[in-house]
Amino acid sequence: MLKAFAILCIASAALIGQATTAKKAAPTPSGASVQEDKQIEATIRAKLAKSKIGKDGFKVRVQGGIAYWEGSTEVVQHKGSATRMAKTAGAKSVINNIKISDAAKEKAADNLDQGRRRAQVKRSDPRTEKAQDK
C-alpha cells in the first residue's frame, strides 16, 4: 500500500512538472497600436491648440499609449495641466519632462509664504466698515 502511494505521488509530480513546463501563449502587447497612438496624439494636439498652455510650445509624442511631454514653462500649474490633458485624451500614462523655471518656483514659494491672497471673512463678521456703522 505504501509502495502504491509513493508511485502515485511520483506520477502526479511528473504530470504537474510537465504541465508547468508546457509552452505558454505569448503575452499580448500592453501598449496601444500605432493607430491608437496617432489618435491619442491628435486629440492632445487639438486640446493643446485650444488651451492657454499651448502658448508654451510644449512638444508631445505618444508611444505605446504613453504620452511623453517635453518643454519648459513659466507657470507651475501648466505642468499639471499637460498631464491631465494627456490623460483625458486617452493616454494610459504620462511621462512629464516639462521643466519649470526657477522664477516660477520662487513665485510659487512666495505665494505659499504669504498665505491666502484675500482675507477670509466669517459669515457672522460684517464685510465692510459701513456695515459696522449700522
C-alpha atoms as a PDB file:
ATOM      1  CA  MET A   1       0.000   0.000   0.000  1.00  0.00           C
ATOM      2  CA  LEU A   2       2.793   2.380   0.905  1.00  0.00           C
ATOM      3  CA  LYS A   3       4.598   1.488  -2.300  1.00  0.00           C
ATOM      4  CA  ALA A   4       1.464   2.230  -4.351  1.00  0.00           C
ATOM      5  CA  PHE A   5       1.059   5.590  -2.632  1.00  0.00           C
ATOM      6  CA  ALA A   6       4.687   6.506  -3.371  1.00  0.00           C
ATOM      7  CA  ILE A   7       4.291   5.564  -7.043  1.00  0.00           C
ATOM      8  CA  LEU A   8       1.092   7.608  -7.242  1.00  0.00           C
ATOM      9  CA  CYS A   9       2.853  10.668  -5.730  1.00  0.00           C
ATOM     10  CA  ILE A  10       5.794  10.376  -8.131  1.00  0.00           C
ATOM     11  CA  ALA A  11       3.470  10.013 -11.133  1.00  0.00           C
ATOM     12  CA  SER A  12       1.387  13.043 -10.125  1.00  0.00           C
ATOM     13  CA  ALA A  13       4.529  15.112  -9.558  1.00  0.00           C
ATOM     14  CA  ALA A  14       5.758  14.180 -13.020  1.00  0.00           C
ATOM     15  CA  LEU A  15       2.427  15.215 -14.562  1.00  0.00           C
ATOM     16  CA  ILE A  16       2.448  18.518 -12.690  1.00  0.00           C
ATOM     17  CA  GLY A  17       6.012  19.167 -13.830  1.00  0.00           C
ATOM     18  CA  GLN A  18       5.044  18.565 -17.450  1.00  0.00           C
ATOM     19  CA  ALA A  19       2.041  20.867 -17.151  1.00  0.00           C
ATOM     20  CA  THR A  20       4.103  23.763 -15.789  1.00  0.00           C
ATOM     21  CA  THR A  21       6.849  23.394 -18.398  1.00  0.00           C
ATOM     22  CA  ALA A  22       4.390  23.448 -21.292  1.00  0.00           C
ATOM     23  CA  LYS A  23       4.744  26.442 -23.569  1.00  0.00           C
ATOM     24  CA  LYS A  24       2.540  29.318 -22.578  1.00  0.00           C
ATOM     25  CA  ALA A  25       0.847  31.582 -25.089  1.00  0.00           C
ATOM     26  CA  ALA A  26       2.778  34.752 -25.873  1.00  0.00           C
ATOM     27  CA  PRO A  27       1.522  37.684 -23.793  1.00  0.00           C
ATOM     28  CA  THR A  28      -0.462  40.271 -25.648  1.00  0.00           C
ATOM     29  CA  PRO A  29       1.293  43.611 -26.026  1.00  0.00           C
ATOM     30  CA  SER A  30       0.256  46.014 -23.271  1.00  0.00           C
ATOM     31  CA  GLY A  31       0.852  49.147 -25.362  1.00  0.00           C
ATOM     32  CA  ALA A  32      -1.556  50.706 -27.793  1.00  0.00           C
ATOM     33  CA  SER A  33      -1.386  50.166 -31.531  1.00  0.00           C
ATOM     34  CA  VAL A  34       0.201  52.724 -33.824  1.00  0.00           C
ATOM     35  CA  GLN A  35      -3.246  53.842 -34.954  1.00  0.00           C
ATOM     36  CA  GLU A  36      -4.399  54.344 -31.346  1.00  0.00           C
ATOM     37  CA  ASP A  37      -1.211  56.304 -30.583  1.00  0.00           C
ATOM     38  CA  LYS A  38      -1.852  58.606 -33.546  1.00  0.00           C
ATOM     39  CA  GLN A  39      -5.442  59.172 -32.428  1.00  0.00           C
ATOM     40  CA  ILE A  40      -4.412  60.000 -28.841  1.00  0.00           C
ATOM     41  CA  GLU A  41      -1.674  62.348 -30.073  1.00  0.00           C
ATOM     42  CA  ALA A  42      -4.100  64.116 -32.436  1.00  0.00           C
ATOM     43  CA  THR A  43      -6.575  64.581 -29.577  1.00  0.00           C
ATOM     44  CA  ILE A  44      -3.858  66.002 -27.312  1.00  0.00           C
ATOM     45  CA  ARG A  45      -2.667  68.401 -30.031  1.00  0.00           C
ATOM     46  CA  ALA A  46      -6.239  69.604 -30.631  1.00  0.00           C
ATOM     47  CA  LYS A  47      -6.726  70.240 -26.905  1.00  0.00           C
ATOM     48  CA  LEU A  48      -3.331  71.941 -26.725  1.00  0.00           C
ATOM     49  CA  ALA A  49      -4.229  74.313 -29.575  1.00  0.00           C
ATOM     50  CA  LYS A  50      -7.361  75.446 -27.697  1.00  0.00           C
ATOM     51  CA  SER A  51      -5.667  75.737 -24.307  1.00  0.00           C
ATOM     52  CA  LYS A  52      -3.696  78.506 -22.617  1.00  0.00           C
ATOM     53  CA  ILE A  53      -0.760  76.146 -22.190  1.00  0.00           C
ATOM     54  CA  GLY A  54      -0.455  75.823 -25.964  1.00  0.00           C
ATOM     55  CA  LYS A  55       1.486  79.108 -25.954  1.00  0.00           C
ATOM     56  CA  ASP A  56       4.320  77.472 -24.014  1.00  0.00           C
ATOM     57  CA  GLY A  57       5.365  75.462 -27.075  1.00  0.00           C
ATOM     58  CA  PHE A  58       5.338  72.050 -25.433  1.00  0.00           C
ATOM     59  CA  LYS A  59       6.195  69.019 -27.542  1.00  0.00           C
ATOM     60  CA  VAL A  60       4.209  65.821 -27.110  1.00  0.00           C
ATOM     61  CA  ARG A  61       4.520  62.342 -28.579  1.00  0.00           C
ATOM     62  CA  VAL A  62       2.617  59.161 -27.857  1.00  0.00           C
ATOM     63  CA  GLN A  63       4.148  55.711 -27.993  1.00  0.00           C
ATOM     64  CA  GLY A  64       2.530  52.548 -26.706  1.00  0.00           C
ATOM     65  CA  GLY A  65      -0.301  54.529 -25.137  1.00  0.00           C
ATOM     66  CA  ILE A  66       2.154  56.601 -23.084  1.00  0.00           C
ATOM     67  CA  ALA A  67       2.302  60.368 -23.645  1.00  0.00           C
ATOM     68  CA  TYR A  68       5.733  61.991 -23.402  1.00  0.00           C
ATOM     69  CA  TRP A  69       5.844  65.769 -22.748  1.00  0.00           C
ATOM     70  CA  GLU A  70       8.914  67.963 -23.323  1.00  0.00           C
ATOM     71  CA  GLY A  71       9.415  71.708 -22.884  1.00  0.00           C
ATOM     72  CA  SER A  72       9.623  74.456 -20.286  1.00  0.00           C
ATOM     73  CA  THR A  73       7.185  76.869 -18.688  1.00  0.00           C
ATOM     74  CA  GLU A  74       6.987  79.997 -16.555  1.00  0.00           C
ATOM     75  CA  VAL A  75       3.771  78.831 -14.834  1.00  0.00           C
ATOM     76  CA  VAL A  76       3.885  75.994 -12.313  1.00  0.00           C
ATOM     77  CA  GLN A  77       0.304  74.867 -12.978  1.00  0.00           C
ATOM     78  CA  HIS A  78       0.935  74.272 -16.703  1.00  0.00           C
ATOM     79  CA  LYS A  79       2.906  71.115 -15.968  1.00  0.00           C
ATOM     80  CA  GLY A  80      -0.051  69.539 -14.174  1.00  0.00           C
ATOM     81  CA  SER A  81      -2.443  70.759 -16.850  1.00  0.00           C
ATOM     82  CA  ALA A  82      -0.392  68.981 -19.508  1.00  0.00           C
ATOM     83  CA  THR A  83      -0.574  65.709 -17.587  1.00  0.00           C
ATOM     84  CA  ARG A  84      -4.347  65.979 -17.116  1.00  0.00           C
ATOM     85  CA  MET A  85      -4.783  66.889 -20.779  1.00  0.00           C
ATOM     86  CA  ALA A  86      -2.970  63.736 -21.917  1.00  0.00           C
ATOM     87  CA  LYS A  87      -4.921  61.530 -19.504  1.00  0.00           C
ATOM     88  CA  THR A  88      -8.286  62.902 -20.664  1.00  0.00           C
ATOM     89  CA  ALA A  89      -7.215  62.382 -24.281  1.00  0.00           C
ATOM     90  CA  GLY A  90      -6.831  58.654 -23.598  1.00  0.00           C
ATOM     91  CA  ALA A  91      -3.174  58.173 -22.660  1.00  0.00           C
ATOM     92  CA  LYS A  92      -2.642  55.199 -20.349  1.00  0.00           C
ATOM     93  CA  SER A  93       0.150  57.012 -18.529  1.00  0.00           C
ATOM     94  CA  VAL A  94       2.170  60.192 -18.861  1.00  0.00           C
ATOM     95  CA  ILE A  95       5.900  60.905 -18.692  1.00  0.00           C
ATOM     96  CA  ASN A  96       6.063  64.636 -17.985  1.00  0.00           C
ATOM     97  CA  ASN A  97       9.523  66.106 -18.624  1.00  0.00           C
ATOM     98  CA  ILE A  98       8.341  69.728 -18.632  1.00  0.00           C
ATOM     99  CA  LYS A  99      10.795  71.955 -16.773  1.00  0.00           C
ATOM    100  CA  ILE A 100       9.535  74.766 -14.541  1.00  0.00           C
ATOM    101  CA  SER A 101      11.648  77.929 -14.473  1.00  0.00           C
ATOM    102  CA  ASP A 102      13.369  78.979 -11.259  1.00  0.00           C
ATOM    103  CA  ALA A 103      11.458  82.285 -11.308  1.00  0.00           C
ATOM    104  CA  ALA A 104       8.143  80.399 -11.383  1.00  0.00           C
ATOM    105  CA  LYS A 105       9.253  78.190  -8.488  1.00  0.00           C
ATOM    106  CA  GLU A 106      10.255  81.255  -6.439  1.00  0.00           C
ATOM    107  CA  LYS A 107       6.949  82.973  -7.190  1.00  0.00           C
ATOM    108  CA  ALA A 108       5.007  79.892  -6.063  1.00  0.00           C
ATOM    109  CA  ALA A 109       7.078  79.664  -2.877  1.00  0.00           C
ATOM    110  CA  ASP A 110       6.446  83.361  -2.132  1.00  0.00           C
ATOM    111  CA  ASN A 111       2.720  82.851  -2.611  1.00  0.00           C
ATOM    112  CA  LEU A 112       2.785  79.993  -0.115  1.00  0.00           C
ATOM    113  CA  ASP A 113       4.703  82.120   2.384  1.00  0.00           C
ATOM    114  CA  GLN A 114       2.162  84.953   2.103  1.00  0.00           C
ATOM    115  CA  GLY A 115      -0.763  82.645   2.687  1.00  0.00           C
ATOM    116  CA  ARG A 116      -4.154  83.307   1.158  1.00  0.00           C
ATOM    117  CA  ARG A 117      -4.307  86.331  -1.088  1.00  0.00           C
ATOM    118  CA  ARG A 118      -7.645  87.549   0.142  1.00  0.00           C
ATOM    119  CA  ALA A 119      -8.758  87.619   3.711  1.00  0.00           C
ATOM    120  CA  GLN A 120     -11.325  85.111   4.712  1.00  0.00           C
ATOM    121  CA  VAL A 121     -14.410  86.646   6.242  1.00  0.00           C
ATOM    122  CA  LYS A 122     -16.662  84.692   8.557  1.00  0.00           C
ATOM    123  CA  ARG A 123     -20.356  84.818   7.768  1.00  0.00           C
ATOM    124  CA  SER A 124     -21.054  86.426  11.117  1.00  0.00           C
ATOM    125  CA  ASP A 125     -18.487  89.214  10.561  1.00  0.00           C
ATOM    126  CA  PRO A 126     -19.515  92.353   8.667  1.00  0.00           C
ATOM    127  CA  ARG A 127     -17.935  92.604   5.227  1.00  0.00           C
ATOM    128  CA  THR A 128     -17.426  96.368   5.089  1.00  0.00           C
ATOM    129  CA  GLU A 129     -16.961  99.236   7.517  1.00  0.00           C
ATOM    130  CA  LYS A 130     -20.329 100.669   6.529  1.00  0.00           C
ATOM    131  CA  ALA A 131     -21.998  97.507   7.734  1.00  0.00           C
ATOM    132  CA  GLN A 132     -20.341  98.010  11.141  1.00  0.00           C
ATOM    133  CA  ASP A 133     -21.718 101.575  11.413  1.00  0.00           C
ATOM    134  CA  LYS A 134     -25.345 100.456  11.023  1.00  0.00           C
END
